[in-house]
């Protein structure tokens, strides 16, 4: 029996996002492709012939998307943002993700955005991008191939794009397997994205996926250290790299074998997660690791409000020329919350003082 079309709820979610695009005053849905030939590799990331050493823990930002005042993608600011992440210690990039407002981009923009990140980051820096868009399995396969052709290291599959919330893991695996059978040698990854709904991968599903040598990446959103430990045990010794999205379990997951971190707080203070990746397993830094873990756990509820606009406000304070606009439903931040973010910025500077970190400023 052929897998049934995917996926009614997700398709409805995407159609709503596309409708939102069409309703925005002054926004053209069709965009011109950026001139990639003029994009120079970032000076803050590995040069040709260099790469990240095996075993190094990596901070991989879930990238936001800068828009200009007319809500078109601002590629110049995107280049500066990539440089900023690089100087802050990023060792890879997750483009076209939920933080990127991917559901509010059309397919052309998703491809152009990914190409730009690949070009700017350089071939020696890992880039992954979501590729499981489309209303049917054939649509997903076709778009995944287009994303892979941009030069990414892996195409990311949203777990909730492959089964409805009411459907069993058997249906989920059947649809995954059908997709895998049609995508040749494409390197892939998985992401338990909260939208259109959060579908956590069970140990059995995760083990089956990891057995495919093409599965090189997993972004975990379980927010449960026991669940994380189970998945890490399954992935141990395999080709798959495990990235935790949960700030509160950052240090512990790194100590238990995670390849790195990809939380939304990396869009506020990436230096802190780069520091944690470097020192989480260093006994001489144990006290500082415990302290900063408590600090970022405490501030997470603060920065999460009005996200991703809150991160754009924070990064603007840090010197990046980001317009305070989003295509998502978050349009403004109340004055009292802006004051809280201002205080959090000062708190962040205090963290840097204690840890001996020089904060990155907006790059020219």
Foldseek 3Di string as FASTA:
>chain_A
DDQDWWDVLQVVLLVVLQVLQVPQPQHDLDDDFDDLVPAAAAPLADDPPDADDPPFFFEEAADAFFAPPSRHTDLVLVLLVLNQLSNLGGQAYEYLDVLNVNSNHDLVVQLRRLLSSDSHNDLRGAYEYEQQDDRGLVNSLVRQVSNVVSRHQAYEYAQCRQDPPPDDVVSSVVSVVVSVVRNPLGAYEYEQDPPPHGDAQDLVRLLVVQVPLSYAEYEDDPLDVVRLLSSQVSNPPHNHAYEYQHLLCQLVSLVSPHSAYHHNCCLQRVSVRSVSSRPSPPPVCVVLNVVVSVVCVVCVVLQPPLPPLSSQLNLVVQARPGDSQDSDPRGDDDPVSSVVSVVVSVVVVVSCVVVVHDRDGRDD
